[in-house]
């Protein structure tokens, strides 16, 4: 009889040890869900607050620099910013339903972030005509002169292809950063699906 009780006690202990990692994983999932919910709300309010400021900056530049190429460049830049802002603001921050398990919320959140990043990455293509039109219209030189720069060397550099190359490299880096982040969310999603 004692052997049976001891065996039963060992099985109970074993079951308790098996349940502990699951509780730890559940706590981790809950913490992650809360963190992403707070992040979603923060991103929403930051985008909502920055959109009017960026609109004012674009309108200011259009009024200040009357060159048609600069106006076209600013228009494409404005279109890019508002395409991205619209995507973020349209549905508001992701909300967690009261009866929804945290894992389901995280799946929705990760899938939404992955799709959103890929969509924003596509919107960055609108910056290519914006950059080309602004460069063609002498935007870097006009901006430097408006800031009071009088150095002939710096104005000649800004009038050349250097600003175009720098901005093209920056756009490529941002493109790859968005791709990498989208892949990270895809991996997180796969990890959640396995559990």
N, C-alpha and C. Protein backbone atom coordinates (compact mmCIF):
# COMPACT_ATOMS: atom_id res chain seq x y z
N UNK A 1 0.82 -1.19 0.00
CA UNK A 1 0.00 0.00 0.00
C UNK A 1 0.85 1.24 0.00
N UNK A 2 1.97 1.19 0.80
CA UNK A 2 2.84 2.36 0.84
C UNK A 2 3.47 2.62 -0.52
N UNK A 3 3.81 1.59 -1.23
CA UNK A 3 4.40 1.74 -2.56
C UNK A 3 3.44 2.44 -3.51
N UNK A 4 2.16 2.08 -3.41
CA UNK A 4 1.15 2.72 -4.26
C UNK A 4 0.99 4.20 -3.92
N UNK A 5 0.98 4.51 -2.61
CA UNK A 5 0.86 5.91 -2.19
C UNK A 5 2.07 6.72 -2.63
N UNK A 6 3.25 6.10 -2.50
CA UNK A 6 4.47 6.81 -2.92
C UNK A 6 4.45 7.05 -4.42
N UNK A 7 3.99 6.04 -5.18
CA UNK A 7 3.90 6.19 -6.64
C UNK A 7 2.90 7.29 -7.00
N UNK A 8 1.77 7.31 -6.30
CA UNK A 8 0.76 8.34 -6.53
C UNK A 8 1.34 9.72 -6.19
N UNK A 9 2.08 9.83 -5.10
CA UNK A 9 2.71 11.08 -4.68
C UNK A 9 3.72 11.55 -5.73
N UNK A 10 4.50 10.63 -6.27
CA UNK A 10 5.48 10.99 -7.31
C UNK A 10 4.78 11.48 -8.57
N UNK A 11 3.66 10.83 -8.93
CA UNK A 11 2.91 11.26 -10.11
C UNK A 11 2.32 12.65 -9.91
N UNK A 12 1.79 12.91 -8.69
CA UNK A 12 1.25 14.24 -8.40
C UNK A 12 2.34 15.30 -8.50
N UNK A 13 3.52 14.98 -7.96
CA UNK A 13 4.64 15.91 -8.02
C UNK A 13 5.06 16.15 -9.47
N UNK A 14 5.08 15.10 -10.24
CA UNK A 14 5.45 15.22 -11.65
C UNK A 14 4.44 16.10 -12.40
N UNK A 15 3.15 15.90 -12.13
CA UNK A 15 2.12 16.71 -12.78
C UNK A 15 2.26 18.18 -12.41
N UNK A 16 2.58 18.45 -11.15
CA UNK A 16 2.77 19.84 -10.72
C UNK A 16 3.94 20.48 -11.46
N UNK A 17 5.01 19.72 -11.65
CA UNK A 17 6.17 20.26 -12.36
C UNK A 17 5.84 20.51 -13.83
N UNK A 18 5.01 19.69 -14.41
CA UNK A 18 4.62 19.90 -15.80
C UNK A 18 3.75 21.14 -15.95
N UNK A 19 2.90 21.40 -14.96
CA UNK A 19 2.00 22.55 -15.05
C UNK A 19 2.72 23.87 -14.83
N UNK A 20 3.79 23.91 -14.08
CA UNK A 20 4.49 25.16 -13.77
C UNK A 20 5.00 25.87 -15.02
N UNK A 21 5.68 25.20 -15.95
CA UNK A 21 6.12 25.92 -17.14
C UNK A 21 4.95 26.49 -17.96
N UNK A 22 3.82 25.80 -17.98
CA UNK A 22 2.68 26.31 -18.72
C UNK A 22 2.16 27.59 -18.08
N UNK A 23 2.12 27.65 -16.72
CA UNK A 23 1.69 28.86 -16.05
C UNK A 23 2.66 29.99 -16.35
N UNK A 24 3.92 29.69 -16.41
CA UNK A 24 4.92 30.69 -16.72
C UNK A 24 4.70 31.21 -18.14
N UNK A 25 4.41 30.31 -19.07
CA UNK A 25 4.16 30.72 -20.44
C UNK A 25 2.89 31.56 -20.53
N UNK A 26 1.88 31.18 -19.76
CA UNK A 26 0.63 31.95 -19.78
C UNK A 26 0.87 33.35 -19.22
N UNK A 27 1.65 33.45 -18.15
CA UNK A 27 1.96 34.78 -17.59
C UNK A 27 2.76 35.61 -18.59
N UNK A 28 3.65 34.95 -19.28
CA UNK A 28 4.45 35.66 -20.29
C UNK A 28 3.56 36.15 -21.44
N UNK A 29 2.62 35.33 -21.86
CA UNK A 29 1.69 35.73 -22.93
C UNK A 29 0.83 36.90 -22.48
N UNK A 30 0.35 36.86 -21.23
CA UNK A 30 -0.46 37.98 -20.72
C UNK A 30 0.36 39.27 -20.68
N UNK A 31 1.59 39.18 -20.23
CA UNK A 31 2.45 40.38 -20.16
C UNK A 31 2.72 40.92 -21.56
N UNK A 32 2.96 40.02 -22.48
CA UNK A 32 3.22 40.45 -23.86
C UNK A 32 1.98 41.10 -24.46
N UNK A 33 0.81 40.54 -24.19
CA UNK A 33 -0.44 41.12 -24.71
C UNK A 33 -0.66 42.52 -24.15
N UNK A 34 -0.42 42.69 -22.85
CA UNK A 34 -0.58 44.03 -22.25
C UNK A 34 0.42 45.02 -22.87
N UNK A 35 1.64 44.57 -23.06
CA UNK A 35 2.66 45.46 -23.63
C UNK A 35 2.28 45.89 -25.05
N UNK A 36 1.83 44.95 -25.87
CA UNK A 36 1.47 45.30 -27.25
C UNK A 36 0.20 46.14 -27.30
N UNK A 37 -0.71 45.92 -26.35
CA UNK A 37 -1.91 46.76 -26.32
C UNK A 37 -1.54 48.21 -25.98
N UNK A 38 -0.65 48.38 -25.00
CA UNK A 38 -0.20 49.74 -24.65
C UNK A 38 0.57 50.37 -25.80
N UNK A 39 1.40 49.59 -26.47
CA UNK A 39 2.17 50.10 -27.61
C UNK A 39 1.25 50.53 -28.74
N UNK A 40 0.20 49.78 -28.98
CA UNK A 40 -0.76 50.11 -30.03
C UNK A 40 -1.44 51.44 -29.75
N UNK A 41 -1.82 51.66 -28.50
CA UNK A 41 -2.46 52.92 -28.12
C UNK A 41 -1.47 54.08 -28.26
N UNK A 42 -0.23 53.87 -27.84
CA UNK A 42 0.79 54.92 -27.94
C UNK A 42 1.06 55.31 -29.39
N UNK A 43 1.21 54.33 -30.27
CA UNK A 43 1.45 54.60 -31.69
C UNK A 43 0.28 55.37 -32.28
N UNK A 44 -0.92 54.98 -31.92
CA UNK A 44 -2.11 55.66 -32.42
C UNK A 44 -2.07 57.14 -32.05
N UNK A 45 -1.82 57.46 -30.79
CA UNK A 45 -1.85 58.85 -30.35
C UNK A 45 -0.67 59.65 -30.89
N UNK A 46 0.48 59.03 -31.06
CA UNK A 46 1.64 59.73 -31.64
C UNK A 46 1.35 60.09 -33.08
N UNK A 47 0.84 59.15 -33.85
CA UNK A 47 0.51 59.43 -35.25
C UNK A 47 -0.58 60.49 -35.36
N UNK A 48 -1.59 60.38 -34.51
CA UNK A 48 -2.67 61.35 -34.53
C UNK A 48 -2.17 62.75 -34.16
N UNK A 49 -1.20 62.83 -33.26
CA UNK A 49 -0.65 64.13 -32.87
C UNK A 49 0.32 64.70 -33.89
N UNK A 50 1.09 63.84 -34.56
CA UNK A 50 2.08 64.32 -35.53
C UNK A 50 1.48 64.68 -36.89
N UNK A 51 0.36 64.09 -37.24
CA UNK A 51 -0.23 64.33 -38.56
C UNK A 51 -0.51 65.81 -38.81
N UNK A 52 -1.14 66.57 -37.89
CA UNK A 52 -1.36 68.00 -38.16
C UNK A 52 -0.05 68.79 -38.24
N UNK A 53 0.94 68.40 -37.45
CA UNK A 53 2.23 69.10 -37.51
C UNK A 53 2.91 68.88 -38.87
N UNK A 54 2.86 67.66 -39.37
CA UNK A 54 3.45 67.38 -40.68
C UNK A 54 2.68 68.07 -41.79
N UNK A 55 1.36 68.13 -41.67
CA UNK A 55 0.55 68.85 -42.64
C UNK A 55 0.94 70.32 -42.67
N UNK A 56 1.11 70.92 -41.50
CA UNK A 56 1.51 72.32 -41.43
C UNK A 56 2.89 72.53 -42.05
N UNK A 57 3.82 71.60 -41.81
CA UNK A 57 5.17 71.73 -42.39
C UNK A 57 5.12 71.64 -43.91
N UNK A 58 4.33 70.71 -44.45
CA UNK A 58 4.23 70.59 -45.90
C UNK A 58 3.58 71.83 -46.52
N UNK A 59 2.54 72.33 -45.89
CA UNK A 59 1.87 73.54 -46.41
C UNK A 59 2.83 74.73 -46.34
N UNK A 60 3.59 74.83 -45.26
CA UNK A 60 4.58 75.90 -45.14
C UNK A 60 5.60 75.83 -46.27
N UNK A 61 6.10 74.64 -46.55
CA UNK A 61 7.08 74.48 -47.63
C UNK A 61 6.48 74.80 -48.99
N UNK A 62 5.23 74.43 -49.22
CA UNK A 62 4.59 74.73 -50.50
C UNK A 62 4.44 76.24 -50.68
N UNK A 63 4.07 76.93 -49.60
CA UNK A 63 3.91 78.38 -49.68
C UNK A 63 5.25 79.10 -49.83
N UNK A 64 6.28 78.55 -49.22
CA UNK A 64 7.59 79.20 -49.22
C UNK A 64 8.32 79.02 -50.54
N UNK A 65 8.33 77.83 -51.04
CA UNK A 65 9.05 77.52 -52.28
C UNK A 65 8.02 77.30 -53.38
N UNK A 66 7.95 78.23 -54.28
CA UNK A 66 6.87 78.21 -55.29
C UNK A 66 7.26 77.47 -56.58
N UNK A 67 8.41 76.85 -56.61
CA UNK A 67 8.83 76.10 -57.79
C UNK A 67 7.87 74.92 -58.02
N UNK A 68 7.40 74.72 -59.25
CA UNK A 68 6.44 73.63 -59.51
C UNK A 68 6.97 72.25 -59.12
N UNK A 69 8.26 72.01 -59.35
CA UNK A 69 8.83 70.71 -59.00
C UNK A 69 8.82 70.49 -57.49
N UNK A 70 9.09 71.54 -56.76
CA UNK A 70 9.06 71.43 -55.30
C UNK A 70 7.64 71.21 -54.79
N UNK A 71 6.67 71.84 -55.44
CA UNK A 71 5.27 71.64 -55.05
C UNK A 71 4.85 70.20 -55.32
N UNK A 72 5.27 69.65 -56.47
CA UNK A 72 4.97 68.24 -56.79
C UNK A 72 5.64 67.32 -55.78
N UNK A 73 6.90 67.60 -55.45
CA UNK A 73 7.62 66.79 -54.47
C UNK A 73 6.96 66.83 -53.10
N UNK A 74 6.56 68.03 -52.69
CA UNK A 74 5.87 68.16 -51.40
C UNK A 74 4.52 67.45 -51.43
N UNK A 75 3.84 67.51 -52.58
CA UNK A 75 2.55 66.82 -52.70
C UNK A 75 2.69 65.32 -52.54
N UNK A 76 3.71 64.73 -53.19
CA UNK A 76 3.94 63.29 -53.04
C UNK A 76 4.36 62.95 -51.62
N UNK A 77 5.17 63.82 -51.01
CA UNK A 77 5.57 63.59 -49.61
C UNK A 77 4.37 63.63 -48.69
N UNK A 78 3.49 64.60 -48.92
CA UNK A 78 2.27 64.72 -48.12
C UNK A 78 1.38 63.50 -48.32
N UNK A 79 1.25 63.04 -49.57
CA UNK A 79 0.44 61.85 -49.85
C UNK A 79 1.01 60.62 -49.12
N UNK A 80 2.32 60.49 -49.09
CA UNK A 80 2.95 59.36 -48.41
C UNK A 80 2.67 59.39 -46.91
N UNK A 81 2.86 60.57 -46.32
CA UNK A 81 2.64 60.70 -44.87
C UNK A 81 1.19 60.40 -44.52
N UNK A 82 0.25 60.88 -45.32
CA UNK A 82 -1.14 60.65 -44.97
C UNK A 82 -1.63 59.25 -45.32
N UNK A 83 -1.01 58.59 -46.28
CA UNK A 83 -1.33 57.17 -46.51
C UNK A 83 -0.93 56.35 -45.28
N UNK A 84 0.26 56.64 -44.76
CA UNK A 84 0.74 55.91 -43.59
C UNK A 84 -0.12 56.25 -42.37
N UNK A 85 -0.40 57.55 -42.18
CA UNK A 85 -1.20 57.97 -41.02
C UNK A 85 -2.61 57.39 -41.10
N UNK A 86 -3.18 57.36 -42.28
CA UNK A 86 -4.54 56.85 -42.43
C UNK A 86 -4.60 55.38 -42.03
N UNK A 87 -3.59 54.63 -42.39
CA UNK A 87 -3.54 53.21 -42.05
C UNK A 87 -3.55 53.01 -40.52
N UNK A 88 -2.81 53.86 -39.82
CA UNK A 88 -2.71 53.73 -38.37
C UNK A 88 -3.99 54.22 -37.68
N UNK A 89 -4.52 55.35 -38.16
CA UNK A 89 -5.63 56.02 -37.48
C UNK A 89 -6.99 55.42 -37.83
N UNK A 90 -7.10 54.84 -39.00
CA UNK A 90 -8.40 54.36 -39.52
C UNK A 90 -9.14 53.46 -38.54
N UNK A 91 -8.48 52.46 -38.03
CA UNK A 91 -9.16 51.51 -37.13
C UNK A 91 -8.91 51.79 -35.66
N UNK A 92 -8.05 52.73 -35.37
CA UNK A 92 -7.73 53.02 -33.98
C UNK A 92 -6.80 51.96 -33.42
N UNK A 93 -6.48 52.08 -32.15
CA UNK A 93 -5.59 51.08 -31.55
C UNK A 93 -6.30 49.73 -31.44
N UNK A 94 -5.52 48.68 -31.48
CA UNK A 94 -6.07 47.34 -31.37
C UNK A 94 -6.64 47.15 -29.97
N UNK A 95 -7.84 46.69 -29.90
CA UNK A 95 -8.50 46.50 -28.61
C UNK A 95 -8.59 45.01 -28.28
N UNK A 96 -8.43 44.75 -27.02
CA UNK A 96 -8.55 43.37 -26.56
C UNK A 96 -9.98 43.17 -26.05
N UNK A 97 -10.67 42.21 -26.60
CA UNK A 97 -12.04 41.92 -26.18
C UNK A 97 -12.04 41.33 -24.77
N UNK A 98 -13.05 41.62 -23.97
CA UNK A 98 -13.05 41.15 -22.57
C UNK A 98 -12.96 39.64 -22.43
N UNK A 99 -13.57 38.90 -23.32
CA UNK A 99 -13.57 37.43 -23.20
C UNK A 99 -12.51 36.78 -24.08
N UNK A 100 -11.72 37.59 -24.75
CA UNK A 100 -10.73 37.05 -25.69
C UNK A 100 -9.48 36.58 -24.95
N UNK A 101 -9.02 35.37 -25.24
CA UNK A 101 -7.76 34.92 -24.64
C UNK A 101 -6.60 35.77 -25.17
N UNK A 102 -5.59 35.94 -24.35
CA UNK A 102 -4.43 36.77 -24.72
C UNK A 102 -3.75 36.24 -25.98
N UNK A 103 -3.72 34.94 -26.14
CA UNK A 103 -3.07 34.37 -27.32
C UNK A 103 -3.79 34.79 -28.59
N UNK A 104 -5.10 34.83 -28.56
CA UNK A 104 -5.87 35.25 -29.75
C UNK A 104 -5.61 36.72 -30.05
N UNK A 105 -5.55 37.53 -28.99
CA UNK A 105 -5.25 38.96 -29.18
C UNK A 105 -3.87 39.13 -29.81
N UNK A 106 -2.89 38.39 -29.29
CA UNK A 106 -1.53 38.50 -29.84
C UNK A 106 -1.48 38.04 -31.29
N UNK A 107 -2.21 37.01 -31.62
CA UNK A 107 -2.24 36.57 -33.02
C UNK A 107 -2.80 37.67 -33.93
N UNK A 108 -3.92 38.27 -33.49
CA UNK A 108 -4.50 39.38 -34.28
C UNK A 108 -3.52 40.54 -34.37
N UNK A 109 -2.90 40.87 -33.25
CA UNK A 109 -1.98 42.00 -33.20
C UNK A 109 -0.77 41.77 -34.10
N UNK A 110 -0.16 40.61 -34.01
CA UNK A 110 1.03 40.32 -34.82
C UNK A 110 0.70 40.28 -36.30
N UNK A 111 -0.44 39.67 -36.64
CA UNK A 111 -0.83 39.63 -38.05
C UNK A 111 -1.12 41.04 -38.56
N UNK A 112 -1.81 41.85 -37.74
CA UNK A 112 -2.09 43.23 -38.13
C UNK A 112 -0.82 44.05 -38.28
N UNK A 113 0.12 43.88 -37.36
CA UNK A 113 1.39 44.62 -37.46
C UNK A 113 2.18 44.18 -38.69
N UNK A 114 2.21 42.88 -38.95
CA UNK A 114 2.95 42.38 -40.11
C UNK A 114 2.37 42.96 -41.40
N UNK A 115 1.05 42.90 -41.53
CA UNK A 115 0.41 43.45 -42.73
C UNK A 115 0.60 44.96 -42.82
N UNK A 116 0.48 45.64 -41.69
CA UNK A 116 0.66 47.09 -41.66
C UNK A 116 2.06 47.50 -42.07
N UNK A 117 3.07 46.78 -41.57
CA UNK A 117 4.45 47.10 -41.94
C UNK A 117 4.69 46.90 -43.43
N UNK A 118 4.15 45.83 -43.97
CA UNK A 118 4.32 45.59 -45.41
C UNK A 118 3.58 46.64 -46.23
N UNK A 119 2.43 47.09 -45.75
CA UNK A 119 1.67 48.12 -46.45
C UNK A 119 2.41 49.46 -46.40
N UNK A 120 2.94 49.81 -45.23
CA UNK A 120 3.70 51.05 -45.10
C UNK A 120 4.95 50.99 -45.96
N UNK A 121 5.58 49.83 -45.99
CA UNK A 121 6.77 49.67 -46.84
C UNK A 121 6.42 49.95 -48.31
N UNK A 122 5.25 49.50 -48.74
CA UNK A 122 4.80 49.79 -50.10
C UNK A 122 4.53 51.27 -50.31
N UNK A 123 3.99 51.93 -49.28
CA UNK A 123 3.73 53.38 -49.37
C UNK A 123 5.01 54.18 -49.53
N UNK A 124 6.11 53.63 -49.04
CA UNK A 124 7.38 54.34 -49.16
C UNK A 124 7.79 54.55 -50.62
N UNK A 125 7.20 53.76 -51.51
CA UNK A 125 7.49 53.95 -52.94
C UNK A 125 7.00 55.31 -53.43
N UNK A 126 6.00 55.88 -52.76
CA UNK A 126 5.54 57.23 -53.12
C UNK A 126 6.60 58.29 -52.83
N UNK A 127 7.55 57.96 -51.98
CA UNK A 127 8.61 58.93 -51.69
C UNK A 127 9.63 59.04 -52.83
N UNK A 128 9.69 58.06 -53.69
CA UNK A 128 10.65 58.13 -54.79
C UNK A 128 10.33 59.30 -55.72
N UNK A 129 9.08 59.45 -56.22
CA UNK A 129 8.80 60.63 -57.04
C UNK A 129 8.91 61.93 -56.23
N UNK A 130 8.62 61.87 -54.93
CA UNK A 130 8.74 63.08 -54.10
C UNK A 130 10.19 63.53 -54.03
N UNK A 131 11.07 62.60 -53.81
CA UNK A 131 12.50 62.92 -53.72
C UNK A 131 13.04 63.39 -55.07
N UNK A 132 12.66 62.69 -56.13
CA UNK A 132 13.14 63.08 -57.46
C UNK A 132 12.65 64.48 -57.85
N UNK A 133 11.38 64.76 -57.62
CA UNK A 133 10.84 66.07 -57.97
C UNK A 133 11.47 67.17 -57.12
N UNK A 134 11.64 66.93 -55.85
CA UNK A 134 12.27 67.94 -54.98
C UNK A 134 13.72 68.17 -55.38
N UNK A 135 14.42 67.12 -55.70
CA UNK A 135 15.82 67.27 -56.13
C UNK A 135 15.90 68.01 -57.46
N UNK A 136 15.04 67.62 -58.40
CA UNK A 136 15.03 68.27 -59.71
C UNK A 136 14.71 69.76 -59.60
N UNK A 137 13.85 70.10 -58.67
CA UNK A 137 13.47 71.51 -58.47
C UNK A 137 14.46 72.29 -57.63
N UNK A 138 15.56 71.66 -57.23
CA UNK A 138 16.57 72.36 -56.43
C UNK A 138 16.19 72.52 -54.97
N UNK A 139 15.44 71.60 -54.46
CA UNK A 139 14.98 71.65 -53.08
C UNK A 139 16.08 71.73 -52.04
N UNK A 140 17.14 70.90 -52.15
CA UNK A 140 18.21 70.99 -51.15
C UNK A 140 18.90 72.35 -51.13
N UNK A 141 19.13 72.92 -52.30
CA UNK A 141 19.79 74.24 -52.37
C UNK A 141 18.84 75.32 -51.84
N UNK A 142 17.57 75.26 -52.25
CA UNK A 142 16.60 76.26 -51.78
C UNK A 142 16.44 76.18 -50.26
N UNK A 143 16.42 74.99 -49.72
CA UNK A 143 16.31 74.81 -48.28
C UNK A 143 17.53 75.36 -47.55
N UNK A 144 18.72 75.09 -48.10
CA UNK A 144 19.95 75.60 -47.48
C UNK A 144 20.00 77.12 -47.52
N UNK A 145 19.61 77.70 -48.66
CA UNK A 145 19.59 79.17 -48.75
C UNK A 145 18.57 79.77 -47.78
N UNK A 146 17.44 79.11 -47.62
CA UNK A 146 16.42 79.61 -46.68
C UNK A 146 16.93 79.56 -45.24
N UNK A 147 17.83 78.63 -44.96
CA UNK A 147 18.41 78.53 -43.62
C UNK A 147 19.60 79.49 -43.43
N UNK A 148 19.99 80.19 -44.51
CA UNK A 148 21.07 81.17 -44.41
C UNK A 148 22.44 80.64 -44.78
N UNK A 149 22.51 79.48 -45.40
CA UNK A 149 23.80 78.92 -45.80
C UNK A 149 24.31 79.69 -47.02
N UNK A 150 25.58 80.15 -46.93
CA UNK A 150 26.15 80.94 -48.04
C UNK A 150 27.42 80.31 -48.60
N UNK A 151 27.81 79.18 -48.10
CA UNK A 151 29.02 78.51 -48.54
C UNK A 151 28.86 78.01 -49.97
N UNK A 152 29.71 78.51 -50.91
CA UNK A 152 29.59 78.04 -52.30
C UNK A 152 29.85 76.54 -52.43
N UNK A 153 30.78 76.03 -51.62
CA UNK A 153 31.10 74.61 -51.70
C UNK A 153 29.89 73.77 -51.27
N UNK A 154 29.28 74.11 -50.13
CA UNK A 154 28.14 73.35 -49.63
C UNK A 154 26.95 73.45 -50.60
N UNK A 155 26.73 74.64 -51.16
CA UNK A 155 25.63 74.80 -52.12
C UNK A 155 25.87 73.98 -53.38
N UNK A 156 27.15 73.87 -53.80
CA UNK A 156 27.44 73.06 -54.99
C UNK A 156 27.24 71.58 -54.70
N UNK A 157 27.59 71.15 -53.47
CA UNK A 157 27.37 69.74 -53.09
C UNK A 157 25.87 69.45 -53.05
N UNK A 158 25.11 70.37 -52.45
CA UNK A 158 23.66 70.17 -52.36
C UNK A 158 22.99 70.25 -53.72
N UNK A 159 23.60 70.97 -54.67
CA UNK A 159 23.04 71.06 -56.01
C UNK A 159 23.38 69.85 -56.87
N UNK A 160 24.32 69.03 -56.42
CA UNK A 160 24.71 67.83 -57.17
C UNK A 160 23.83 66.65 -56.83
N UNK A 161 24.39 65.48 -57.08
CA UNK A 161 23.62 64.25 -56.87
C UNK A 161 23.78 63.68 -55.46
N UNK A 162 24.60 64.28 -54.61
CA UNK A 162 24.83 63.75 -53.26
C UNK A 162 23.54 63.64 -52.45
N UNK A 163 22.68 64.67 -52.40
CA UNK A 163 21.44 64.51 -51.62
C UNK A 163 20.55 63.37 -52.14
N UNK A 164 20.52 63.21 -53.46
CA UNK A 164 19.71 62.14 -54.05
C UNK A 164 20.24 60.77 -53.64
N UNK A 165 21.56 60.61 -53.66
CA UNK A 165 22.17 59.34 -53.29
C UNK A 165 21.94 59.04 -51.80
N UNK A 166 22.14 60.05 -50.96
CA UNK A 166 21.95 59.85 -49.52
C UNK A 166 20.51 59.47 -49.21
N UNK A 167 19.57 60.15 -49.82
CA UNK A 167 18.15 59.84 -49.55
C UNK A 167 17.78 58.47 -50.11
N UNK A 168 18.35 58.10 -51.27
CA UNK A 168 18.08 56.77 -51.83
C UNK A 168 18.60 55.68 -50.90
N UNK A 169 19.79 55.88 -50.33
CA UNK A 169 20.34 54.90 -49.39
C UNK A 169 19.48 54.82 -48.13
N UNK A 170 19.05 55.98 -47.63
CA UNK A 170 18.19 55.99 -46.45
C UNK A 170 16.86 55.28 -46.71
N UNK A 171 16.27 55.52 -47.87
CA UNK A 171 15.01 54.83 -48.21
C UNK A 171 15.21 53.32 -48.30
N UNK A 172 16.34 52.90 -48.88
CA UNK A 172 16.63 51.46 -48.97
C UNK A 172 16.79 50.86 -47.57
N UNK A 173 17.47 51.57 -46.67
CA UNK A 173 17.65 51.07 -45.31
C UNK A 173 16.30 50.97 -44.58
N UNK A 174 15.46 51.97 -44.76
CA UNK A 174 14.13 51.93 -44.13
C UNK A 174 13.30 50.79 -44.72
N UNK A 175 13.38 50.59 -46.04
CA UNK A 175 12.67 49.49 -46.70
C UNK A 175 13.07 48.16 -46.08
N UNK A 176 14.39 47.93 -45.94
CA UNK A 176 14.85 46.66 -45.38
C UNK A 176 14.52 46.54 -43.89
N UNK A 177 14.53 47.65 -43.16
CA UNK A 177 14.15 47.61 -41.75
C UNK A 177 12.69 47.20 -41.59
N UNK A 178 11.81 47.73 -42.43
CA UNK A 178 10.40 47.34 -42.38
C UNK A 178 10.23 45.87 -42.75
N UNK A 179 10.99 45.40 -43.73
CA UNK A 179 10.92 43.99 -44.12
C UNK A 179 11.38 43.09 -42.98
N UNK A 180 12.46 43.47 -42.33
CA UNK A 180 12.99 42.68 -41.22
C UNK A 180 12.01 42.64 -40.06
N UNK A 181 11.40 43.77 -39.74
CA UNK A 181 10.43 43.83 -38.65
C UNK A 181 9.19 42.99 -38.99
N UNK A 182 8.74 43.03 -40.25
CA UNK A 182 7.60 42.20 -40.66
C UNK A 182 7.93 40.72 -40.51
N UNK A 183 9.15 40.34 -40.85
CA UNK A 183 9.56 38.93 -40.68
C UNK A 183 9.60 38.56 -39.20
N UNK A 184 10.01 39.49 -38.34
CA UNK A 184 10.04 39.22 -36.90
C UNK A 184 8.62 38.94 -36.39
N UNK A 185 7.66 39.75 -36.82
CA UNK A 185 6.28 39.51 -36.40
C UNK A 185 5.74 38.20 -36.96
N UNK A 186 6.18 37.83 -38.15
CA UNK A 186 5.77 36.56 -38.72
C UNK A 186 6.32 35.39 -37.89
N UNK A 187 7.57 35.51 -37.43
CA UNK A 187 8.14 34.47 -36.57
C UNK A 187 7.38 34.40 -35.23
N UNK A 188 7.06 35.57 -34.67
CA UNK A 188 6.29 35.59 -33.41
C UNK A 188 4.94 34.91 -33.61
N UNK A 189 4.32 35.17 -34.74
CA UNK A 189 3.03 34.57 -35.06
C UNK A 189 3.16 33.04 -35.16
N UNK A 190 4.22 32.58 -35.80
CA UNK A 190 4.45 31.14 -35.92
C UNK A 190 4.68 30.51 -34.55
N UNK A 191 5.40 31.21 -33.69
CA UNK A 191 5.62 30.70 -32.33
C UNK A 191 4.31 30.56 -31.57
N UNK A 192 3.43 31.52 -31.75
CA UNK A 192 2.12 31.45 -31.08
C UNK A 192 1.26 30.33 -31.64
N UNK A 193 1.37 30.07 -32.92
CA UNK A 193 0.56 29.02 -33.55
C UNK A 193 1.00 27.64 -33.06
N UNK A 194 2.29 27.49 -32.75
CA UNK A 194 2.80 26.21 -32.29
C UNK A 194 2.31 25.89 -30.88
N UNK A 195 2.05 26.93 -30.09
CA UNK A 195 1.65 26.70 -28.70
C UNK A 195 0.21 26.28 -28.58
